Amino acid sequence: MKLHSLSISGLATLNMHALNNEGAEGNALMTRMVEIVDENGENHTVNAISGDMFKHIQAEHLYNLAGEQGLNLCQGCKVFSANRICEDESFTKSFTKDTQDSQVLATALNTCVMDDCEGILITNNNKSIARKSVVEFGWVVGRPSSTKTESYFHAKYVPEGRETGSGSGENLGQNIFHRPASSGQYAVVLNLDLFRVGMNDITLAYTIEKTEREKRIKALLQSILYTYIKPSGAHRNTQNPHIVNFEGIIATSSSTVPAPTISALNSNYPDEIEGIALALNRIAQGAINTYRFDSMSGFAEKMSNIIENIEPRGE
C-alpha cells in the first residue's frame, strides 16, 4: 500500500477533562472556549482543545517511538527541546550563510525524524529555511448540542490549620480555587502528507533512503494512533479524561488527489466523505479509500492494518 496522504475525521467522546486552558482570573481557572458556526449557520460558543495541544501530544509520542526504534534524532530533539535542531551545534556548524538552502535542509532531514515530520524553521547563520510539518491538526471542537463545561470548587488540604489563606502571596495554608471540567463529543480533523516524509521541500527529491522512510512513516502513523489513545495535556494528574468512544472515518489517497475531510460538526460527515470519495474515484482511478470505525478498538484495528501494509512512495 503506497499512500500519498491520509486524513481522519472523527468524533471523540471525552468526559471530565481540562486538557486546554487559557489562564486564571483570581482563583478561577478559565478553560478554552471558541466561537463556531454549525452546519445550519448558527453561532455557538463551545469548549475546544487547540490543535497545538494535540500536535504536542503527537510529537511526544513520536519522540518516544524514535528512541525505542532507533530513529535519528538531533541533539535538541533528544532532550525534547522546542528549538529542535536549531540548538544542535554539530548541525549549526555544518553550514554558513553562503551554503545552499537545499543542502542545509537535506542535512536537517537526514539528522532528525522529528524535524522531518513535525516541521522546523531554521534561523541559524542568517538563514530562514522553513520545513512545513507533515502533520496538520485542526482544533478539537465540542459539538454545541452535546458539550458542557462546569466549574468545581477545590481547596488545598492543610493538616496544621487554616489560618493562612490564599491572600498571603506565599501559596501557604488552605487555598480555595475553582477548576473547570468539560464533557462532550468533540470533532476531530487531521491530515497527513505521507509523501513528504524524507522529501526535500526545495529540490522535491527524497534525501533519505526508502527503508528509512518506511520506518519513519510507520512510526509517524503509530504516533497518531497513540495520540487518540492517550491525549495528554493539563491537569491529567487528577482529571485524566474519561475516553468513552471514538468514531469516525479514515480516508487514504494513493495519488495527488487529497484524502478528503469533513468535520464531525456536520452530523452527516461520514456519508459526505464517502460521497466525495466516490466522486473523486471517477476521475482518479480509484485512488481514494475510506475506512469507517465506530469505536476506539475499531480505530486501532484500521490504523494497525494501514501501518502493517504501508510502503513509501518514490525511490
Protein backbone atom coordinates (compact mmCIF):
# COMPACT_ATOMS: atom_id res chain seq x y z
CA MET A 1 0.00 0.00 0.00
CA LYS A 2 1.69 3.20 -1.22
CA LEU A 3 -0.15 6.21 0.18
CA HIS A 4 0.21 9.84 -0.79
CA SER A 5 -1.95 11.24 2.02
CA LEU A 6 -4.22 10.17 4.87
CA SER A 7 -6.95 12.01 6.75
CA ILE A 8 -9.01 11.34 9.86
CA SER A 9 -12.42 12.87 10.58
CA GLY A 10 -13.91 11.71 13.84
CA LEU A 11 -15.97 12.31 16.94
CA ALA A 12 -14.27 11.72 20.30
CA THR A 13 -16.35 11.47 23.46
CA LEU A 14 -14.40 12.83 26.45
CA ASN A 15 -15.68 13.35 29.98
CA MET A 16 -14.39 15.47 32.87
CA HIS A 17 -11.25 16.80 31.21
CA ALA A 18 -9.32 20.08 31.44
CA LEU A 19 -6.73 19.46 28.75
CA ASN A 20 -6.51 23.03 27.42
CA ASN A 21 -6.92 26.22 29.50
CA GLU A 22 -6.40 29.94 28.85
CA GLY A 23 -5.20 31.05 32.27
CA ALA A 24 -6.64 32.19 35.59
CA GLU A 25 -8.77 35.06 36.81
CA GLY A 26 -8.38 35.42 40.56
CA ASN A 27 -8.75 31.93 41.98
CA ALA A 28 -10.68 30.57 38.98
CA LEU A 29 -9.03 28.67 36.12
CA MET A 30 -10.52 29.54 32.72
CA THR A 31 -10.91 26.84 30.09
CA ARG A 32 -10.53 27.33 26.34
CA MET A 33 -13.72 28.46 24.59
CA VAL A 34 -14.14 29.23 20.89
CA GLU A 35 -16.79 30.63 18.58
CA ILE A 36 -18.02 28.33 15.79
CA VAL A 37 -20.74 28.14 13.16
CA ASP A 38 -22.68 24.87 12.86
CA GLU A 39 -23.97 23.16 9.70
CA ASN A 40 -27.13 25.29 9.84
CA GLY A 41 -25.22 28.58 10.02
CA GLU A 42 -25.96 29.22 13.71
CA ASN A 43 -23.27 30.64 16.03
CA HIS A 44 -22.18 28.84 19.22
CA THR A 45 -19.60 29.22 21.98
CA VAL A 46 -18.11 25.83 22.79
CA ASN A 47 -15.23 24.23 24.65
CA ALA A 48 -12.27 23.24 22.47
CA ILE A 49 -8.76 21.83 22.66
CA SER A 50 -6.24 23.57 20.43
CA GLY A 51 -4.51 21.82 17.56
CA ASP A 52 -1.23 22.96 19.13
CA MET A 53 -2.01 20.80 22.15
CA PHE A 54 -2.70 17.71 20.05
CA LYS A 55 0.37 18.37 17.91
CA HIS A 56 2.49 18.43 21.08
CA ILE A 57 0.89 15.16 22.23
CA GLN A 58 1.65 13.53 18.89
CA ALA A 59 5.22 14.87 18.81
CA GLU A 60 5.89 13.43 22.26
CA HIS A 61 4.66 10.01 21.13
CA LEU A 62 6.89 10.21 18.02
CA TYR A 63 9.83 11.20 20.22
CA ASN A 64 9.29 8.11 22.40
CA LEU A 65 8.92 5.86 19.35
CA ALA A 66 12.11 7.28 17.81
CA GLY A 67 14.08 6.37 20.93
CA GLU A 68 12.51 2.93 21.07
CA GLN A 69 13.02 2.16 17.37
CA GLY A 70 16.45 3.75 16.93
CA LEU A 71 15.36 6.52 14.55
CA ASN A 72 17.65 9.52 14.10
CA LEU A 73 17.18 12.44 16.50
CA CYS A 74 19.12 15.70 16.61
CA GLN A 75 20.67 16.86 19.87
CA GLY A 76 17.80 19.27 20.52
CA CYS A 77 15.12 16.65 19.97
CA LYS A 78 16.96 14.14 22.15
CA VAL A 79 16.02 16.37 25.09
CA PHE A 80 12.61 17.23 23.53
CA SER A 81 13.55 20.89 23.10
CA ALA A 82 11.09 23.16 21.31
CA ASN A 83 14.07 24.61 19.39
CA ARG A 84 14.84 21.17 17.97
CA ILE A 85 17.74 21.08 15.51
CA CYS A 86 18.39 24.82 15.84
CA GLU A 87 20.21 24.15 19.12
CA ASP A 88 22.25 21.23 17.74
CA GLU A 89 25.79 22.65 17.45
CA SER A 90 27.00 19.90 15.14
CA PHE A 91 24.25 20.91 12.72
CA THR A 92 24.61 24.68 13.05
CA LYS A 93 28.38 24.45 12.49
CA SER A 94 27.89 22.34 9.34
CA PHE A 95 26.87 25.31 7.19
CA THR A 96 27.33 29.06 6.72
CA LYS A 97 25.10 31.81 5.35
CA ASP A 98 26.50 31.03 1.88
CA THR A 99 25.54 27.34 1.95
CA GLN A 100 22.66 26.46 -0.37
CA ASP A 101 19.35 26.23 1.47
CA SER A 102 18.58 22.88 -0.14
CA GLN A 103 21.81 21.43 1.26
CA VAL A 104 21.04 22.72 4.77
CA LEU A 105 17.54 21.25 4.61
CA ALA A 106 18.86 17.90 3.35
CA THR A 107 21.23 17.73 6.33
CA ALA A 108 18.37 18.50 8.73
CA LEU A 109 16.12 15.81 7.25
CA ASN A 110 18.82 13.18 7.45
CA THR A 111 19.72 14.18 11.00
CA CYS A 112 16.31 14.01 12.67
CA VAL A 113 12.93 12.32 12.22
CA MET A 114 11.25 15.00 14.37
CA ASP A 115 12.42 17.88 12.20
CA ASP A 116 11.42 15.89 9.13
CA CYS A 117 7.86 15.09 10.27
CA GLU A 118 6.95 17.89 12.70
CA GLY A 119 8.43 20.82 10.79
CA ILE A 120 11.06 23.42 11.75
CA LEU A 121 12.16 26.97 10.96
CA ILE A 122 15.95 27.06 10.65
CA THR A 123 17.18 30.55 11.55
CA ASN A 124 20.85 29.91 12.37
CA ASN A 125 23.69 31.63 10.49
CA ASN A 126 21.42 34.30 8.96
CA LYS A 127 19.24 31.64 7.34
CA SER A 128 15.45 31.41 7.22
CA ILE A 129 14.56 27.95 5.93
CA ALA A 130 11.09 26.63 6.62
CA ARG A 131 10.28 22.93 6.76
CA LYS A 132 6.49 22.60 6.79
CA SER A 133 5.04 19.92 9.05
CA VAL A 134 3.90 16.65 7.50
CA VAL A 135 1.15 16.56 10.16
CA GLU A 136 -1.77 19.00 10.18
CA PHE A 137 -4.06 19.03 13.24
CA GLY A 138 -7.26 21.01 13.48
CA TRP A 139 -8.83 22.24 16.70
CA VAL A 140 -10.66 19.54 18.64
CA VAL A 141 -14.03 21.28 18.85
CA GLY A 142 -17.00 20.40 21.02
CA ARG A 143 -20.35 19.76 19.37
CA PRO A 144 -22.69 22.52 20.61
CA SER A 145 -25.58 20.17 21.42
CA SER A 146 -23.51 17.71 23.45
CA THR A 147 -20.62 19.57 25.12
CA LYS A 148 -20.78 21.23 28.55
CA THR A 149 -18.27 22.93 30.83
CA GLU A 150 -18.73 23.36 34.60
CA SER A 151 -16.52 24.87 37.29
CA TYR A 152 -15.86 22.95 40.51
CA PHE A 153 -14.76 24.13 43.94
CA HIS A 154 -11.47 22.81 45.34
CA ALA A 155 -9.42 23.50 48.45
CA LYS A 156 -5.84 22.64 49.31
CA TYR A 157 -5.83 20.47 52.41
CA VAL A 158 -3.57 21.73 55.21
CA PRO A 159 -3.44 19.43 58.26
CA GLU A 160 -1.81 22.05 60.54
CA GLY A 161 -4.65 24.57 60.26
CA ARG A 162 -6.42 27.10 58.09
CA GLU A 163 -5.08 30.36 59.48
CA THR A 164 -3.10 31.31 56.35
CA GLY A 165 -5.13 31.61 53.17
CA SER A 166 -4.59 32.31 49.50
CA GLY A 167 -4.16 36.04 50.10
CA SER A 168 -0.76 35.61 51.76
CA GLY A 169 1.06 35.59 48.43
CA GLU A 170 3.15 32.60 49.50
CA ASN A 171 0.81 29.75 48.48
CA LEU A 172 0.65 28.65 52.11
CA GLY A 173 -2.30 27.42 54.12
CA GLN A 174 -5.68 26.39 52.82
CA ASN A 175 -6.17 27.98 49.38
CA ILE A 176 -9.50 27.74 47.63
CA PHE A 177 -9.82 27.67 43.85
CA HIS A 178 -12.26 26.81 41.08
CA ARG A 179 -11.25 24.37 38.35
CA PRO A 180 -13.18 23.64 35.13
CA ALA A 181 -14.12 20.24 33.74
CA SER A 182 -15.61 19.70 30.30
CA SER A 183 -17.54 16.75 28.94
CA GLY A 184 -18.91 16.08 25.50
CA GLN A 185 -18.42 14.94 21.93
CA TYR A 186 -15.51 16.60 20.13
CA ALA A 187 -14.97 16.89 16.38
CA VAL A 188 -11.50 15.85 15.20
CA VAL A 189 -9.84 16.61 11.85
CA LEU A 190 -6.32 15.58 10.82
CA ASN A 191 -4.31 15.42 7.60
CA LEU A 192 -1.03 13.64 6.90
CA ASP A 193 1.05 14.33 3.78
CA LEU A 194 2.83 10.99 3.90
CA PHE A 195 4.59 11.51 0.56
CA ARG A 196 6.58 14.39 2.10
CA VAL A 197 8.38 12.26 4.71
CA GLY A 198 12.04 12.45 3.74
CA MET A 199 11.38 14.81 0.80
CA ASN A 200 13.43 17.98 0.41
CA ASP A 201 10.90 20.83 0.02
CA ILE A 202 13.32 22.80 -2.18
CA THR A 203 14.58 20.15 -4.60
CA LEU A 204 11.43 17.96 -4.29
CA ALA A 205 13.74 14.94 -4.20
CA TYR A 206 13.94 12.32 -1.45
CA THR A 207 17.11 12.73 0.59
CA ILE A 208 16.52 9.65 2.74
CA GLU A 209 16.67 6.06 1.54
CA LYS A 210 13.47 4.10 1.08
CA THR A 211 13.88 1.71 4.03
CA GLU A 212 14.45 4.60 6.46
CA ARG A 213 11.44 6.48 5.09
CA GLU A 214 9.29 3.41 5.64
CA LYS A 215 10.39 3.26 9.28
CA ARG A 216 9.60 6.95 9.74
CA ILE A 217 6.18 6.68 8.11
CA LYS A 218 5.21 3.71 10.26
CA ALA A 219 6.42 5.49 13.42
CA LEU A 220 4.51 8.63 12.42
CA LEU A 221 1.27 6.66 11.95
CA GLN A 222 1.84 4.91 15.28
CA SER A 223 2.22 8.29 16.99
CA ILE A 224 -1.13 9.38 15.51
CA LEU A 225 -2.81 6.24 16.83
CA TYR A 226 -1.31 6.74 20.30
CA THR A 227 -2.38 10.42 20.34
CA TYR A 228 -6.05 9.43 20.45
CA ILE A 229 -5.49 6.50 22.79
CA LYS A 230 -3.76 8.78 25.31
CA PRO A 231 -4.44 12.51 24.85
CA SER A 232 -2.20 14.25 27.37
CA GLY A 233 -2.46 17.86 28.50
CA ALA A 234 -3.20 19.92 31.58
CA HIS A 235 -4.42 18.51 34.92
CA ARG A 236 -4.13 14.85 33.96
CA ASN A 237 -2.85 14.09 37.46
CA THR A 238 -6.40 14.48 38.84
CA GLN A 239 -8.54 14.99 35.72
CA ASN A 240 -7.38 12.20 33.43
CA PRO A 241 -10.04 12.28 30.68
CA HIS A 242 -12.68 9.58 30.61
CA ILE A 243 -12.42 8.44 26.99
CA VAL A 244 -15.84 6.95 26.25
CA ASN A 245 -15.70 6.46 22.50
CA PHE A 246 -14.01 7.44 19.25
CA GLU A 247 -15.88 7.04 15.98
CA GLY A 248 -15.26 8.37 12.51
CA ILE A 249 -13.72 7.67 9.16
CA ILE A 250 -10.17 7.35 7.80
CA ALA A 251 -9.61 8.38 4.18
CA THR A 252 -6.48 7.50 2.23
CA SER A 253 -5.21 8.57 -1.19
CA SER A 254 -2.68 6.78 -3.37
CA SER A 255 -2.31 9.75 -5.75
CA THR A 256 -2.02 13.53 -5.62
CA VAL A 257 -5.79 13.71 -5.12
CA PRO A 258 -6.13 14.81 -1.46
CA ALA A 259 -7.67 12.48 1.10
CA PRO A 260 -10.98 14.24 1.93
CA THR A 261 -12.07 15.54 5.33
CA ILE A 262 -15.41 16.82 6.61
CA SER A 263 -15.73 17.89 10.24
CA ALA A 264 -17.94 15.90 12.59
CA LEU A 265 -19.59 19.26 13.36
CA ASN A 266 -21.58 18.17 10.32
CA SER A 267 -23.81 15.34 11.59
CA ASN A 268 -23.67 13.67 8.16
CA TYR A 269 -19.87 13.76 7.86
CA PRO A 270 -19.20 10.01 7.19
CA ASP A 271 -21.67 9.90 4.30
CA GLU A 272 -20.30 13.17 2.95
CA ILE A 273 -16.73 11.83 2.93
CA GLU A 274 -17.76 8.59 1.28
CA GLY A 275 -19.72 10.58 -1.31
CA ILE A 276 -16.67 12.74 -2.04
CA ALA A 277 -14.54 9.58 -2.35
CA LEU A 278 -16.96 8.08 -4.90
CA ALA A 279 -16.92 11.28 -6.94
CA LEU A 280 -13.13 11.61 -6.83
CA ASN A 281 -12.61 7.96 -7.78
CA ARG A 282 -14.48 8.56 -11.05
CA ILE A 283 -11.65 10.85 -12.15
CA ALA A 284 -8.75 9.43 -10.12
CA GLN A 285 -8.82 5.71 -10.99
CA GLY A 286 -9.89 4.57 -7.54
CA ALA A 287 -7.19 6.45 -5.65
CA ILE A 288 -9.36 7.13 -2.57
CA ASN A 289 -10.27 4.52 0.03
CA THR A 290 -12.34 5.07 3.16
CA TYR A 291 -12.48 3.08 6.41
CA ARG A 292 -15.28 3.69 8.91
CA PHE A 293 -14.85 2.91 12.60
CA ASP A 294 -17.37 3.14 15.44
CA SER A 295 -15.13 2.57 18.46
CA MET A 296 -11.59 3.12 19.71
CA SER A 297 -10.83 -0.56 19.14
CA GLY A 298 -12.14 -0.23 15.59
CA PHE A 299 -9.92 2.81 15.02
CA ALA A 300 -6.90 0.93 16.40
CA GLU A 301 -7.62 -2.02 14.12
CA LYS A 302 -7.95 0.14 10.98
CA MET A 303 -4.79 2.11 11.77
CA SER A 304 -2.82 -1.03 12.60
CA ASN A 305 -3.79 -2.57 9.25
CA ILE A 306 -2.59 0.54 7.43
CA ILE A 307 0.67 0.63 9.42
CA GLU A 308 1.38 -3.03 8.70
CA ASN A 309 0.84 -2.71 4.94
CA ILE A 310 2.11 0.75 4.07
CA GLU A 311 5.12 1.32 1.82
CA PRO A 312 6.88 4.58 0.96
CA ARG A 313 6.32 6.22 -2.41
CA GLY A 314 9.12 7.02 -4.83
CA GLU A 315 12.70 5.83 -4.80
